[in-house]
Structures are given as C-alpha cells and as structure tokens.
N, C-alpha and C. Protein backbone atom coordinates (compact mmCIF):
# COMPACT_ATOMS: atom_id res chain seq x y z
N MET A 1 120.14 90.65 134.75
CA MET A 1 118.90 90.94 135.44
C MET A 1 118.23 89.64 135.86
N SER A 2 117.79 89.62 137.07
CA SER A 2 117.13 88.40 137.54
C SER A 2 115.68 88.38 137.09
N GLU A 3 115.11 87.22 137.20
CA GLU A 3 113.71 87.03 136.78
C GLU A 3 112.79 87.89 137.64
N GLU A 4 113.16 88.05 138.90
CA GLU A 4 112.33 88.86 139.82
C GLU A 4 112.34 90.33 139.42
N GLU A 5 113.50 90.85 139.00
CA GLU A 5 113.59 92.25 138.56
C GLU A 5 112.78 92.48 137.30
N ILE A 6 112.83 91.52 136.36
CA ILE A 6 112.05 91.63 135.13
C ILE A 6 110.57 91.65 135.46
N GLN A 7 110.16 90.77 136.37
CA GLN A 7 108.75 90.71 136.79
C GLN A 7 108.33 92.04 137.41
N GLN A 8 109.19 92.64 138.23
CA GLN A 8 108.89 93.91 138.88
C GLN A 8 108.76 95.02 137.85
N GLN A 9 109.65 95.08 136.85
CA GLN A 9 109.59 96.10 135.81
C GLN A 9 108.30 95.96 135.00
N THR A 10 107.92 94.73 134.70
CA THR A 10 106.69 94.49 133.95
C THR A 10 105.49 94.97 134.75
N GLU A 11 105.46 94.67 136.04
CA GLU A 11 104.35 95.11 136.90
C GLU A 11 104.31 96.63 137.00
N ASP A 12 105.49 97.27 137.09
CA ASP A 12 105.54 98.74 137.14
C ASP A 12 104.98 99.33 135.86
N TYR A 13 105.37 98.74 134.71
CA TYR A 13 104.88 99.21 133.42
C TYR A 13 103.36 99.08 133.34
N ILE A 14 102.86 97.95 133.78
CA ILE A 14 101.41 97.71 133.74
C ILE A 14 100.69 98.69 134.65
N GLU A 15 101.22 98.91 135.85
CA GLU A 15 100.57 99.84 136.78
C GLU A 15 100.57 101.26 136.23
N GLU A 16 101.66 101.68 135.58
CA GLU A 16 101.71 103.01 134.98
C GLU A 16 100.65 103.15 133.91
N ASP A 17 100.50 102.14 133.07
CA ASP A 17 99.52 102.19 132.00
C ASP A 17 98.10 102.16 132.54
N GLU A 18 97.85 101.38 133.59
CA GLU A 18 96.51 101.30 134.15
C GLU A 18 96.05 102.65 134.68
N GLU A 19 96.98 103.43 135.21
CA GLU A 19 96.62 104.75 135.72
C GLU A 19 96.16 105.68 134.60
N LYS A 20 96.70 105.51 133.40
CA LYS A 20 96.39 106.39 132.29
C LYS A 20 95.29 105.86 131.37
N LEU A 21 94.78 104.68 131.64
CA LEU A 21 93.80 104.08 130.75
C LEU A 21 92.45 104.78 130.88
N PRO A 22 91.78 105.00 129.77
CA PRO A 22 90.51 105.71 129.80
C PRO A 22 89.34 104.88 130.33
N PHE A 23 89.43 103.56 130.23
CA PHE A 23 88.33 102.69 130.66
C PHE A 23 88.85 101.63 131.63
N ALA A 24 87.93 101.03 132.35
CA ALA A 24 88.30 99.94 133.24
C ALA A 24 88.83 98.79 132.39
N LYS A 25 90.04 98.36 132.72
CA LYS A 25 90.68 97.34 131.90
C LYS A 25 89.88 96.04 131.89
N ALA A 26 89.32 95.69 133.01
CA ALA A 26 88.57 94.44 133.10
C ALA A 26 87.37 94.43 132.15
N GLU A 27 86.73 95.56 131.99
CA GLU A 27 85.57 95.64 131.10
C GLU A 27 86.00 95.51 129.64
N VAL A 28 87.08 96.15 129.28
CA VAL A 28 87.59 96.06 127.90
C VAL A 28 88.00 94.63 127.60
N VAL A 29 88.69 93.99 128.54
CA VAL A 29 89.13 92.61 128.35
C VAL A 29 87.92 91.69 128.24
N ARG A 30 86.90 91.91 129.06
CA ARG A 30 85.69 91.08 129.00
C ARG A 30 85.05 91.19 127.62
N LEU A 31 84.94 92.40 127.10
CA LEU A 31 84.35 92.60 125.77
C LEU A 31 85.20 91.96 124.68
N MET A 32 86.52 92.06 124.82
CA MET A 32 87.39 91.44 123.83
C MET A 32 87.20 89.92 123.83
N LYS A 33 87.17 89.34 125.02
CA LYS A 33 87.02 87.88 125.12
C LYS A 33 85.67 87.42 124.58
N GLU A 34 84.64 88.22 124.74
CA GLU A 34 83.33 87.88 124.20
C GLU A 34 83.35 87.80 122.68
N ASN A 35 84.19 88.60 122.06
CA ASN A 35 84.20 88.69 120.61
C ASN A 35 85.35 87.96 119.94
N LEU A 36 86.22 87.35 120.70
CA LEU A 36 87.32 86.56 120.16
C LEU A 36 87.01 85.07 120.33
N ASP A 37 87.67 84.25 119.52
CA ASP A 37 87.52 82.81 119.66
C ASP A 37 88.01 82.37 121.04
N ASP A 38 87.47 81.26 121.53
CA ASP A 38 87.82 80.77 122.86
C ASP A 38 89.28 80.39 122.99
N ASP A 39 89.91 79.99 121.90
CA ASP A 39 91.30 79.54 121.98
C ASP A 39 92.30 80.70 121.91
N LYS A 40 91.84 81.92 121.84
CA LYS A 40 92.74 83.07 121.76
C LYS A 40 93.16 83.54 123.15
N MET A 41 94.44 83.85 123.26
CA MET A 41 94.95 84.45 124.50
C MET A 41 95.34 85.89 124.17
N ILE A 42 95.10 86.79 125.08
CA ILE A 42 95.36 88.21 124.84
C ILE A 42 96.55 88.64 125.68
N ARG A 43 97.58 89.15 125.03
CA ARG A 43 98.75 89.65 125.75
C ARG A 43 98.38 90.95 126.48
N GLU A 44 99.12 91.24 127.53
CA GLU A 44 98.86 92.42 128.35
C GLU A 44 98.95 93.70 127.54
N ARG A 45 99.94 93.78 126.68
CA ARG A 45 100.11 95.00 125.88
C ARG A 45 98.91 95.21 124.96
N VAL A 46 98.34 94.14 124.43
CA VAL A 46 97.16 94.25 123.56
C VAL A 46 95.98 94.80 124.36
N LYS A 47 95.82 94.34 125.58
CA LYS A 47 94.73 94.82 126.44
C LYS A 47 94.86 96.32 126.68
N VAL A 48 96.08 96.74 126.97
CA VAL A 48 96.34 98.16 127.26
C VAL A 48 96.14 99.00 126.01
N GLU A 49 96.69 98.55 124.87
CA GLU A 49 96.60 99.33 123.64
C GLU A 49 95.15 99.40 123.12
N MET A 50 94.38 98.34 123.30
CA MET A 50 92.96 98.37 122.91
C MET A 50 92.23 99.42 123.74
N ASN A 51 92.53 99.48 125.01
CA ASN A 51 91.90 100.45 125.90
C ASN A 51 92.24 101.87 125.43
N LYS A 52 93.51 102.10 125.10
CA LYS A 52 93.93 103.43 124.63
C LYS A 52 93.26 103.76 123.29
N PHE A 53 93.18 102.77 122.40
CA PHE A 53 92.55 102.98 121.10
C PHE A 53 91.08 103.39 121.27
N LEU A 54 90.38 102.70 122.14
CA LEU A 54 88.97 103.04 122.38
C LEU A 54 88.84 104.45 122.95
N GLY A 55 89.79 104.83 123.79
CA GLY A 55 89.79 106.18 124.33
C GLY A 55 90.00 107.22 123.22
N GLU A 56 90.88 106.92 122.26
CA GLU A 56 91.11 107.83 121.14
C GLU A 56 89.87 107.96 120.25
N VAL A 57 89.19 106.84 120.03
CA VAL A 57 87.95 106.88 119.24
C VAL A 57 86.93 107.77 119.95
N LEU A 58 86.82 107.62 121.25
CA LEU A 58 85.89 108.46 122.01
C LEU A 58 86.26 109.94 121.89
N LYS A 59 87.55 110.24 121.97
CA LYS A 59 87.99 111.64 121.83
C LYS A 59 87.64 112.19 120.46
N ASN A 60 87.87 111.40 119.42
CA ASN A 60 87.58 111.85 118.06
C ASN A 60 86.09 112.10 117.86
N VAL A 61 85.26 111.22 118.39
CA VAL A 61 83.81 111.40 118.27
C VAL A 61 83.39 112.66 119.02
N CYS A 62 83.95 112.87 120.20
CA CYS A 62 83.60 114.06 120.98
C CYS A 62 84.05 115.35 120.30
N LYS A 63 85.21 115.31 119.64
CA LYS A 63 85.65 116.50 118.89
C LYS A 63 84.64 116.84 117.80
N GLN A 64 84.15 115.82 117.13
CA GLN A 64 83.16 116.06 116.08
C GLN A 64 81.84 116.56 116.69
N LEU A 65 81.47 116.02 117.82
CA LEU A 65 80.25 116.49 118.50
C LEU A 65 80.40 117.94 118.94
N ASN A 66 81.61 118.34 119.30
CA ASN A 66 81.85 119.73 119.71
C ASN A 66 81.69 120.71 118.55
N ASP A 67 81.80 120.22 117.33
CA ASP A 67 81.66 121.09 116.16
C ASP A 67 80.22 121.57 115.98
N TYR A 68 79.27 120.88 116.57
CA TYR A 68 77.87 121.32 116.48
C TYR A 68 77.67 122.57 117.34
N PRO A 69 76.88 123.50 116.88
CA PRO A 69 76.69 124.75 117.63
C PRO A 69 75.71 124.63 118.81
N TYR A 70 75.13 123.47 119.00
CA TYR A 70 74.09 123.30 120.02
C TYR A 70 74.68 122.90 121.36
N THR A 71 73.98 123.24 122.43
CA THR A 71 74.46 122.89 123.77
C THR A 71 74.02 121.48 124.17
N THR A 72 73.00 120.96 123.53
CA THR A 72 72.53 119.61 123.84
C THR A 72 72.90 118.68 122.69
N ILE A 73 73.48 117.54 123.02
CA ILE A 73 73.86 116.57 122.00
C ILE A 73 72.69 115.62 121.80
N GLU A 74 72.21 115.54 120.58
CA GLU A 74 71.09 114.68 120.23
C GLU A 74 71.61 113.37 119.64
N TYR A 75 70.73 112.39 119.59
CA TYR A 75 71.09 111.07 119.08
C TYR A 75 71.52 111.14 117.62
N GLU A 76 70.87 111.94 116.81
CA GLU A 76 71.23 112.07 115.39
C GLU A 76 72.66 112.59 115.23
N MET A 77 73.07 113.49 116.10
CA MET A 77 74.44 114.00 116.07
C MET A 77 75.42 112.87 116.37
N LEU A 78 75.09 112.06 117.36
CA LEU A 78 75.94 110.93 117.72
C LEU A 78 76.04 109.95 116.56
N LYS A 79 74.91 109.65 115.93
CA LYS A 79 74.92 108.73 114.79
C LYS A 79 75.82 109.24 113.68
N GLU A 80 75.73 110.53 113.41
CA GLU A 80 76.55 111.12 112.35
C GLU A 80 78.03 111.09 112.73
N SER A 81 78.33 111.33 113.98
CA SER A 81 79.72 111.35 114.43
C SER A 81 80.35 109.96 114.47
N THR A 82 79.55 108.95 114.72
CA THR A 82 80.08 107.59 114.79
C THR A 82 79.99 106.85 113.47
N TYR A 83 79.44 107.48 112.44
CA TYR A 83 79.24 106.82 111.15
C TYR A 83 80.51 106.17 110.60
N PRO A 84 81.66 106.83 110.61
CA PRO A 84 82.85 106.18 110.05
C PRO A 84 83.24 104.89 110.79
N TYR A 85 82.89 104.79 112.05
CA TYR A 85 83.26 103.61 112.83
C TYR A 85 82.22 102.50 112.70
N THR A 86 80.97 102.87 112.55
CA THR A 86 79.91 101.87 112.51
C THR A 86 79.64 101.35 111.11
N ASN A 87 80.06 102.07 110.08
CA ASN A 87 79.78 101.66 108.70
C ASN A 87 81.04 101.49 107.88
N ILE A 88 82.08 101.00 108.49
CA ILE A 88 83.36 100.88 107.80
C ILE A 88 83.26 99.92 106.62
N GLU A 89 82.47 98.85 106.73
CA GLU A 89 82.35 97.91 105.62
C GLU A 89 81.68 98.58 104.42
N ARG A 90 80.63 99.32 104.66
CA ARG A 90 79.94 100.01 103.56
C ARG A 90 80.86 101.06 102.93
N ILE A 91 81.61 101.75 103.75
CA ILE A 91 82.54 102.76 103.24
C ILE A 91 83.60 102.11 102.36
N ASN A 92 84.14 100.96 102.78
CA ASN A 92 85.15 100.26 101.99
C ASN A 92 84.57 99.73 100.68
N GLN A 93 83.32 99.25 100.72
CA GLN A 93 82.67 98.79 99.49
C GLN A 93 82.49 99.95 98.51
N GLU A 94 82.07 101.08 99.02
CA GLU A 94 81.88 102.26 98.17
C GLU A 94 83.22 102.71 97.59
N LYS A 95 84.27 102.66 98.38
CA LYS A 95 85.61 103.01 97.90
C LYS A 95 86.01 102.09 96.76
N GLU A 96 85.80 100.79 96.90
CA GLU A 96 86.14 99.83 95.85
C GLU A 96 85.33 100.10 94.59
N ARG A 97 84.05 100.39 94.75
CA ARG A 97 83.19 100.68 93.60
C ARG A 97 83.69 101.91 92.85
N ILE A 98 84.04 102.94 93.58
CA ILE A 98 84.54 104.18 92.96
C ILE A 98 85.86 103.92 92.24
N LEU A 99 86.76 103.17 92.86
CA LEU A 99 88.05 102.88 92.23
C LEU A 99 87.87 102.07 90.94
N LEU A 100 86.96 101.10 90.95
CA LEU A 100 86.70 100.33 89.73
C LEU A 100 86.13 101.23 88.64
N HIS A 101 85.24 102.13 89.02
CA HIS A 101 84.66 103.06 88.06
C HIS A 101 85.73 103.98 87.47
N LEU A 102 86.63 104.44 88.31
CA LEU A 102 87.72 105.29 87.83
C LEU A 102 88.64 104.53 86.87
N GLU A 103 88.89 103.26 87.15
CA GLU A 103 89.70 102.45 86.25
C GLU A 103 89.02 102.32 84.89
N ALA A 104 87.69 102.13 84.90
CA ALA A 104 86.95 102.04 83.64
C ALA A 104 87.03 103.35 82.87
N ILE A 105 86.95 104.46 83.57
CA ILE A 105 87.05 105.77 82.92
C ILE A 105 88.44 105.94 82.31
N LYS A 106 89.49 105.53 83.04
CA LYS A 106 90.85 105.62 82.51
C LYS A 106 91.00 104.77 81.25
N ALA A 107 90.42 103.58 81.25
CA ALA A 107 90.50 102.72 80.07
C ALA A 107 89.79 103.37 78.89
N ASP A 108 88.62 103.97 79.14
CA ASP A 108 87.90 104.68 78.07
C ASP A 108 88.73 105.84 77.53
N CYS A 109 89.36 106.58 78.41
CA CYS A 109 90.19 107.72 77.98
C CYS A 109 91.36 107.24 77.13
N ASN A 110 92.00 106.15 77.54
CA ASN A 110 93.11 105.60 76.76
C ASN A 110 92.65 105.14 75.39
N ALA A 111 91.48 104.48 75.32
CA ALA A 111 90.95 104.03 74.03
C ALA A 111 90.64 105.22 73.13
N LEU A 112 90.04 106.25 73.69
CA LEU A 112 89.75 107.46 72.90
C LEU A 112 91.03 108.12 72.41
N ALA A 113 92.03 108.17 73.23
CA ALA A 113 93.30 108.78 72.84
C ALA A 113 93.93 108.00 71.68
N MET A 114 93.86 106.68 71.74
CA MET A 114 94.40 105.88 70.64
C MET A 114 93.61 106.12 69.36
N ASP A 115 92.28 106.21 69.48
CA ASP A 115 91.45 106.49 68.30
C ASP A 115 91.82 107.84 67.69
N VAL A 116 92.01 108.83 68.50
CA VAL A 116 92.36 110.16 68.01
C VAL A 116 93.70 110.11 67.30
N GLN A 117 94.67 109.42 67.87
CA GLN A 117 95.99 109.35 67.24
C GLN A 117 95.93 108.61 65.91
N LYS A 118 95.07 107.60 65.80
CA LYS A 118 94.99 106.83 64.56
C LYS A 118 94.22 107.57 63.47
N THR A 119 93.12 108.20 63.82
CA THR A 119 92.22 108.73 62.81
C THR A 119 92.34 110.22 62.56
N LEU A 120 92.64 110.97 63.57
CA LEU A 120 92.70 112.42 63.40
C LEU A 120 94.15 112.87 63.44
N LYS A 121 94.53 113.59 62.41
CA LYS A 121 95.90 114.08 62.36
C LYS A 121 95.87 115.60 62.41
N LEU A 122 96.91 116.16 62.99
CA LEU A 122 96.97 117.60 63.11
C LEU A 122 97.39 118.26 61.80
N LYS A 123 98.17 117.56 60.98
CA LYS A 123 98.62 118.08 59.69
C LYS A 123 98.22 117.07 58.62
N ASP A 124 98.07 117.54 57.40
CA ASP A 124 97.77 116.64 56.29
C ASP A 124 99.06 116.05 55.75
N VAL A 125 99.69 115.22 56.53
CA VAL A 125 100.95 114.61 56.15
C VAL A 125 100.82 113.11 56.37
N VAL A 126 101.29 112.37 55.41
CA VAL A 126 101.34 110.93 55.59
C VAL A 126 102.64 110.65 56.32
N GLU A 127 102.54 109.87 57.38
CA GLU A 127 103.70 109.75 58.26
C GLU A 127 104.76 108.78 57.72
N GLU A 128 104.68 107.51 58.01
CA GLU A 128 105.74 106.56 57.69
C GLU A 128 105.70 106.13 56.23
N ASP A 129 104.51 106.02 55.64
CA ASP A 129 104.40 105.55 54.25
C ASP A 129 105.14 106.48 53.30
N THR A 130 105.05 107.78 53.48
CA THR A 130 105.71 108.75 52.63
C THR A 130 107.21 108.59 52.72
N PHE A 131 107.72 108.38 53.90
CA PHE A 131 109.16 108.23 54.08
C PHE A 131 109.66 106.99 53.35
N ALA A 132 108.92 105.91 53.41
CA ALA A 132 109.35 104.67 52.76
C ALA A 132 109.38 104.85 51.25
N THR A 133 108.35 105.45 50.65
CA THR A 133 108.34 105.63 49.20
C THR A 133 109.34 106.70 48.78
N PHE A 134 109.53 107.70 49.61
CA PHE A 134 110.49 108.76 49.29
C PHE A 134 111.91 108.19 49.24
N SER A 135 112.27 107.38 50.22
CA SER A 135 113.61 106.81 50.24
C SER A 135 113.81 105.85 49.08
N ALA A 136 112.77 105.16 48.65
CA ALA A 136 112.88 104.25 47.49
C ALA A 136 113.10 105.08 46.23
N ASP A 137 112.41 106.22 46.09
CA ASP A 137 112.59 107.09 44.93
C ASP A 137 114.01 107.65 44.87
N VAL A 138 114.55 108.03 46.02
CA VAL A 138 115.90 108.58 46.08
C VAL A 138 116.92 107.53 45.63
N GLU A 139 116.74 106.31 46.02
CA GLU A 139 117.65 105.24 45.64
C GLU A 139 117.60 105.00 44.14
N GLU A 140 116.41 105.05 43.55
CA GLU A 140 116.26 104.87 42.10
C GLU A 140 116.96 105.98 41.34
N GLU A 141 116.84 107.22 41.84
CA GLU A 141 117.47 108.35 41.18
C GLU A 141 118.99 108.23 41.23
N GLU A 142 119.50 107.72 42.34
CA GLU A 142 120.95 107.58 42.49
C GLU A 142 121.49 106.54 41.54
N GLU A 143 120.71 105.49 41.25
CA GLU A 143 121.16 104.46 40.35
C GLU A 143 121.26 104.96 38.92
N GLU A 144 120.45 105.89 38.53
CA GLU A 144 120.43 106.40 37.15
C GLU A 144 121.56 107.31 36.92
C-alpha cells in the first residue's frame, strides 16, 4: 500500500466518524485543549472517541430525565441526573470510607470468633490436654 492510499483510508475513516459524531468536533477539541497541558498533542482517534463518550453521557442523563413523570424538565432534575458525573470524587471518597469501615467490621468479627473458640466450648470436654495425659496413662499401664 502506498502512502497516498493510507492517507486516503485515514481521511475516509475520519469523515465517516465525523458524520456520526454527536457534537462539533472543533468545539470538543477546543475544550480538551483548554484543559490539557500545552505540551500535549491529541491524536485524531482520541478526539473522535471523546466526542462519542460525551454523546453517551448525554444519552444516559436524558434516559434518567425521561424517568421523571413530568413534561417539563427542571434544574433540580438535571442536577440529580448529572450527580454521578459531577461528584465522582466525593463518591469515590465515600466508597473508600465504606470499604475501610467494612474491613474494620470484618476484623472485629474475626476477633470475636477467636474469642468464642477460645473461651466458649460446645461440650464440657478438655481438648488436647486430656489426650496428652490419657496417652501418658496408657503408656504407664502398658509398662506394668
């Protein structure tokens, strides 16, 4: 394949994707460049996939907005629908806090289980000590 054919295939791929993109590519790229370091270069595929991702986020938010029984969408509904996207840091912090708390609960349960095994017995039987003295008694009897 010549370099010209590869260039043509790449342009065809880009044109196909541009037709299906939910937002103007130039606007998405402008926003990306505003929020990235100046020394970053953005590949074409990243520009296209970011555009598609933003379109999917919009679809998901709209699906949630459709769940409301009202015909008019209010700002509070929008805030509630976008909460997972706008508060991801807080959600992750809460997740970490809950996981740490669950680990502490598991440690407490393990400590309690060990205490129960050591102190509370289901039968009034001495476990290993009885076996040791019993076997010593049997040996003494055999010697006699």
